Amino acid sequence: MKRGRVIGRMTQLPAAVACVWMWCAPAVGQMSDTPDRQLVGEFALGGSYATGNTKRRAVDVDGQARYRAGRVEDHYKIAAELARENGRTTAKRWMLGAQSNVDIQDNLYGFGALSYEDDRFSGYAYEAEAGVGVGYRVYQSATTRLSLEVGPGYRIGALRAPVSDEKELFGRGSILFETQLSDTAKLTNDFSVAYDSDRTKIEDTLALTATLVGSLAGRASFNLRYNSNPPGLTIKKTDTVTKFALVYSF
């Protein structure tokens, strides 16, 4: 697919996300009443190196940030993964994501989200998604948070072989959980499921983060990705990745 066609398709996505801002306009209009500002984020770096019977090198990076301004909270995420084994590339993936939440009531919020993913071993040249919806904070305390999100979205993608385009409306739901186990340890679990006429996609990430010193922490995580109908006969339905990384928080 030519670059111009990809860019042209991507420009269709923000229009869908704009709907959530129109729907939540009364809440946005009250931002001046709550001028608080807060920026937090983290950067994680992991990798492995093996020699002997198997020569394997792998590196992965993850970055995320959250910016709160009054009733609006923006989330940004970037991730990349590269692995080579015995001279062959066995993993090559990167993604970008952004979501903006607008408080409607104390525990209820609307959101708009965009994401772009390029995974060489998924069977797709790229996939881009735009979605809107509502979220509800089921439980929130000083140490624990549990939120549910649900809403529709629109997906476009390009298959590698045979070369073709896909356009699908989908429904998506997610469960976001975080708890502080102690002063130095935190457990998180992010679960999401997306359904359209062609497939069901499930992704779940469980992570344990422990402070080492100051702003530096160690993290062990397990990620599962499932696609009920992957393109091509050689693409597996389920991928799992176990990671160990150093995390710098700011």
Protein backbone atom coordinates (compact mmCIF):
# COMPACT_ATOMS: atom_id res chain seq x y z
CA MET A 1 0.00 0.00 0.00
CA LYS A 2 1.34 3.43 -0.93
CA ARG A 3 2.16 5.91 1.84
CA GLY A 4 -0.36 8.42 0.49
CA ARG A 5 -3.20 5.92 0.80
CA VAL A 6 -2.26 5.08 4.38
CA ILE A 7 -2.16 8.74 5.39
CA GLY A 8 -5.46 9.35 3.66
CA ARG A 9 -7.13 6.57 5.60
CA MET A 10 -5.65 7.76 8.90
CA THR A 11 -7.19 11.20 8.46
CA GLN A 12 -10.65 9.59 8.68
CA LEU A 13 -10.10 8.42 12.25
CA PRO A 14 -10.12 11.68 14.26
CA ALA A 15 -13.63 12.50 13.01
CA ALA A 16 -15.05 9.56 14.93
CA VAL A 17 -13.22 10.54 18.11
CA ALA A 18 -14.51 14.11 17.88
CA CYS A 19 -18.02 12.84 18.68
CA VAL A 20 -17.13 12.21 22.31
CA TRP A 21 -16.03 15.81 22.78
CA MET A 22 -19.33 17.11 21.40
CA TRP A 23 -21.23 14.75 23.70
CA CYS A 24 -19.23 15.80 26.74
CA ALA A 25 -19.04 19.53 25.92
CA PRO A 26 -20.80 20.65 29.15
CA ALA A 27 -18.15 18.91 31.25
CA VAL A 28 -15.29 20.40 29.23
CA GLY A 29 -16.77 23.84 29.65
CA GLN A 30 -16.30 23.55 33.41
CA MET A 31 -12.54 22.94 33.24
CA SER A 32 -11.81 26.49 34.30
CA ASP A 33 -13.46 25.73 37.66
CA THR A 34 -10.84 23.05 38.39
CA PRO A 35 -7.43 24.39 37.27
CA ASP A 36 -5.36 21.58 38.82
CA ARG A 37 -2.60 20.21 36.56
CA GLN A 38 -0.75 16.93 36.97
CA LEU A 39 1.69 15.03 34.75
CA VAL A 40 2.98 11.54 35.59
CA GLY A 41 4.57 8.88 33.43
CA GLU A 42 7.14 6.16 33.08
CA PHE A 43 9.65 4.66 30.66
CA ALA A 44 10.48 0.93 30.71
CA LEU A 45 13.41 -0.84 29.05
CA GLY A 46 13.82 -4.60 28.87
CA GLY A 47 15.97 -7.04 26.93
CA SER A 48 17.71 -10.40 26.82
CA TYR A 49 20.82 -11.93 25.29
CA ALA A 50 21.54 -15.63 24.92
CA THR A 51 24.47 -17.56 23.40
CA GLY A 52 25.32 -21.23 22.96
CA ASN A 53 22.89 -23.59 21.24
CA THR A 54 20.58 -20.63 20.60
CA LYS A 55 21.71 -17.12 19.82
CA ARG A 56 18.92 -14.74 20.73
CA ARG A 57 18.83 -10.99 21.24
CA ALA A 58 15.71 -9.09 22.23
CA VAL A 59 14.89 -5.57 23.32
CA ASP A 60 11.61 -3.88 24.13
CA VAL A 61 10.68 -0.38 25.26
CA ASP A 62 7.45 0.98 26.68
CA GLY A 63 6.53 4.54 27.54
CA GLN A 64 3.35 5.99 28.92
CA ALA A 65 2.21 9.30 30.36
CA ARG A 66 -0.93 10.68 31.98
CA TYR A 67 -1.81 14.37 32.05
CA ARG A 68 -4.68 15.65 34.17
CA ALA A 69 -6.16 19.13 33.68
CA GLY A 70 -9.41 19.75 35.51
CA ARG A 71 -12.06 17.34 34.22
CA VAL A 72 -9.91 16.06 31.34
CA GLU A 73 -7.30 13.32 31.64
CA ASP A 74 -5.16 12.37 28.64
CA HIS A 75 -3.29 9.06 28.34
CA TYR A 76 -0.44 8.42 25.90
CA LYS A 77 1.38 5.17 25.16
CA ILE A 78 4.21 4.00 22.93
CA ALA A 79 5.71 0.50 22.68
CA ALA A 80 8.27 -1.26 20.51
CA GLU A 81 9.63 -4.80 20.44
CA LEU A 82 12.44 -6.39 18.41
CA ALA A 83 13.91 -9.91 18.66
CA ARG A 84 16.38 -11.92 16.57
CA GLU A 85 17.14 -15.61 16.97
CA ASN A 86 19.91 -17.48 15.12
CA GLY A 87 20.18 -14.64 12.61
CA ARG A 88 16.45 -14.37 11.92
CA THR A 89 14.06 -11.65 13.05
CA THR A 90 11.39 -13.34 15.16
CA ALA A 91 9.56 -10.28 16.51
CA LYS A 92 9.17 -6.75 15.20
CA ARG A 93 6.30 -4.65 16.51
CA TRP A 94 5.58 -1.05 17.44
CA MET A 95 2.45 0.83 18.41
CA LEU A 96 1.19 4.28 19.38
CA GLY A 97 -1.94 5.03 21.37
CA ALA A 98 -3.76 8.00 22.88
CA GLN A 99 -6.97 8.31 24.89
CA SER A 100 -8.71 11.36 26.31
CA ASN A 101 -11.17 10.97 29.21
CA VAL A 102 -13.70 13.66 30.13
CA ASP A 103 -15.43 13.50 33.53
CA ILE A 104 -19.23 13.59 33.33
CA GLN A 105 -19.98 12.74 36.95
CA ASP A 106 -17.86 11.68 39.91
CA ASN A 107 -17.38 8.09 38.68
CA LEU A 108 -18.58 8.37 35.06
CA TYR A 109 -16.55 9.63 32.11
CA GLY A 110 -16.63 9.68 28.33
CA PHE A 111 -13.59 8.94 26.20
CA GLY A 112 -12.15 9.08 22.71
CA ALA A 113 -9.21 6.92 21.65
CA LEU A 114 -6.83 6.45 18.72
CA SER A 115 -4.23 3.73 18.12
CA TYR A 116 -1.85 2.59 15.38
CA GLU A 117 0.02 -0.72 15.29
CA ASP A 118 2.59 -2.24 12.95
CA ASP A 119 3.33 -5.90 13.76
CA ARG A 120 5.41 -7.67 11.12
CA PHE A 121 4.30 -11.12 12.28
CA SER A 122 0.57 -10.43 12.64
CA GLY A 123 -0.24 -10.78 8.93
CA TYR A 124 -1.11 -7.06 8.69
CA ALA A 125 0.98 -4.25 7.22
CA TYR A 126 -0.74 -1.99 9.76
CA GLU A 127 -3.91 -1.59 11.81
CA ALA A 128 -5.42 1.69 12.98
CA GLU A 129 -8.40 2.13 15.28
CA ALA A 130 -10.57 4.98 16.52
CA GLY A 131 -13.14 4.57 19.27
CA VAL A 132 -15.45 6.42 21.64
CA GLY A 133 -17.37 5.27 24.68
CA VAL A 134 -18.04 5.61 28.38
CA GLY A 135 -16.11 4.48 31.41
CA TYR A 136 -17.15 3.88 35.00
CA ARG A 137 -14.90 3.88 38.06
CA VAL A 138 -16.33 0.91 39.94
CA TYR A 139 -14.01 1.27 42.92
CA GLN A 140 -11.41 3.83 43.87
CA SER A 141 -9.45 4.21 47.09
CA ALA A 142 -6.02 5.39 48.16
CA THR A 143 -4.50 2.03 47.14
CA THR A 144 -6.86 0.38 44.63
CA ARG A 145 -8.63 1.37 41.40
CA LEU A 146 -11.04 -0.62 39.22
CA SER A 147 -12.62 0.83 36.06
CA LEU A 148 -14.79 -0.53 33.24
CA GLU A 149 -14.97 0.91 29.71
CA VAL A 150 -17.23 0.08 26.77
CA GLY A 151 -17.96 1.62 23.39
CA PRO A 152 -17.93 1.30 19.59
CA GLY A 153 -15.03 1.89 17.24
CA TYR A 154 -13.86 1.80 13.64
CA ARG A 155 -10.85 -0.16 12.36
CA ILE A 156 -8.89 0.02 9.12
CA GLY A 157 -6.03 -2.27 8.19
CA ALA A 158 -3.97 -3.63 5.32
CA LEU A 159 -3.24 -7.33 4.87
CA ARG A 160 0.26 -8.29 3.74
CA ALA A 161 -0.75 -11.34 1.68
CA PRO A 162 -2.96 -11.25 -0.22
CA VAL A 163 -2.65 -7.48 -0.31
CA SER A 164 -6.05 -6.04 0.56
CA ASP A 165 -7.74 -3.50 2.83
CA GLU A 166 -10.09 -4.09 5.76
CA LYS A 167 -12.65 -1.71 7.25
CA GLU A 168 -14.75 -2.80 10.21
CA LEU A 169 -16.99 -1.40 12.90
CA PHE A 170 -16.35 -3.09 16.23
CA GLY A 171 -17.44 -3.11 19.85
CA ARG A 172 -14.86 -2.94 22.62
CA GLY A 173 -14.82 -3.43 26.37
CA SER A 174 -12.00 -3.21 28.91
CA ILE A 175 -11.29 -3.76 32.60
CA LEU A 176 -8.53 -1.70 34.24
CA PHE A 177 -7.26 -2.76 37.65
CA GLU A 178 -4.48 -1.39 39.84
CA THR A 179 -3.62 -1.99 43.48
CA GLN A 180 -0.75 -0.94 45.73
CA LEU A 181 0.40 -4.11 47.50
CA SER A 182 2.84 -2.24 49.74
CA ASP A 183 4.81 0.99 49.87
CA THR A 184 7.15 -0.38 47.18
CA ALA A 185 5.08 -2.88 45.15
CA LYS A 186 2.18 -2.41 42.72
CA LEU A 187 0.06 -4.93 40.77
CA THR A 188 -1.80 -3.95 37.58
CA ASN A 189 -3.98 -5.82 35.10
CA ASP A 190 -5.31 -4.38 31.83
CA PHE A 191 -7.85 -6.54 29.97
CA SER A 192 -9.61 -5.68 26.71
CA VAL A 193 -11.81 -7.48 24.19
CA ALA A 194 -12.86 -6.23 20.75
CA TYR A 195 -15.48 -7.91 18.56
CA ASP A 196 -16.46 -7.37 14.92
CA SER A 197 -17.99 -9.47 12.15
CA ASP A 198 -14.61 -11.00 11.21
CA ARG A 199 -12.90 -11.73 14.51
CA THR A 200 -12.62 -11.42 18.28
CA LYS A 201 -9.44 -9.91 19.73
CA ILE A 202 -8.45 -10.29 23.38
CA GLU A 203 -5.46 -8.74 25.11
CA ASP A 204 -4.48 -9.02 28.76
CA THR A 205 -1.40 -7.67 30.54
CA LEU A 206 -0.57 -8.56 34.15
CA ALA A 207 2.38 -6.69 35.70
CA LEU A 208 4.11 -6.54 39.06
CA THR A 209 6.26 -3.45 39.68
CA ALA A 210 8.59 -3.05 42.67
CA THR A 211 10.60 0.04 43.57
CA LEU A 212 14.36 -0.48 43.63
CA VAL A 213 15.66 2.97 44.54
CA GLY A 214 14.21 6.43 44.08
CA SER A 215 12.38 6.67 40.74
CA LEU A 216 13.82 3.37 39.47
CA ALA A 217 11.81 0.14 39.67
CA GLY A 218 11.84 -3.41 38.36
CA ARG A 219 8.90 -4.97 36.56
CA ALA A 220 7.83 -8.49 35.62
CA SER A 221 4.90 -8.73 33.22
CA PHE A 222 2.93 -11.27 31.21
CA ASN A 223 1.09 -10.27 28.04
CA LEU A 224 -1.42 -12.39 26.13
CA ARG A 225 -2.81 -11.48 22.71
CA TYR A 226 -5.51 -13.58 21.00
CA ASN A 227 -7.03 -13.23 17.52
CA SER A 228 -9.83 -15.67 16.68
CA ASN A 229 -9.32 -15.29 12.92
CA PRO A 230 -5.73 -14.35 12.05
CA PRO A 231 -4.88 -13.80 8.36
CA GLY A 232 -2.82 -16.47 6.64
CA LEU A 233 -2.44 -20.15 7.39
CA THR A 234 0.81 -19.80 9.35
CA ILE A 235 -0.28 -17.08 11.78
CA LYS A 236 -1.06 -18.45 15.25
CA LYS A 237 -4.14 -17.31 17.15
CA THR A 238 -2.36 -16.70 20.47
CA ASP A 239 0.83 -14.83 21.34
CA THR A 240 2.30 -14.62 24.85
CA VAL A 241 5.22 -12.51 26.02
CA THR A 242 6.92 -12.55 29.42
CA LYS A 243 9.04 -9.49 30.15
CA PHE A 244 11.45 -8.23 32.79
CA ALA A 245 12.28 -4.54 32.61
CA LEU A 246 13.73 -1.56 34.43
CA VAL A 247 11.24 1.28 34.86
CA TYR A 248 11.93 4.97 35.38
CA SER A 249 8.99 7.01 36.68
CA PHE A 250 8.52 10.77 36.57
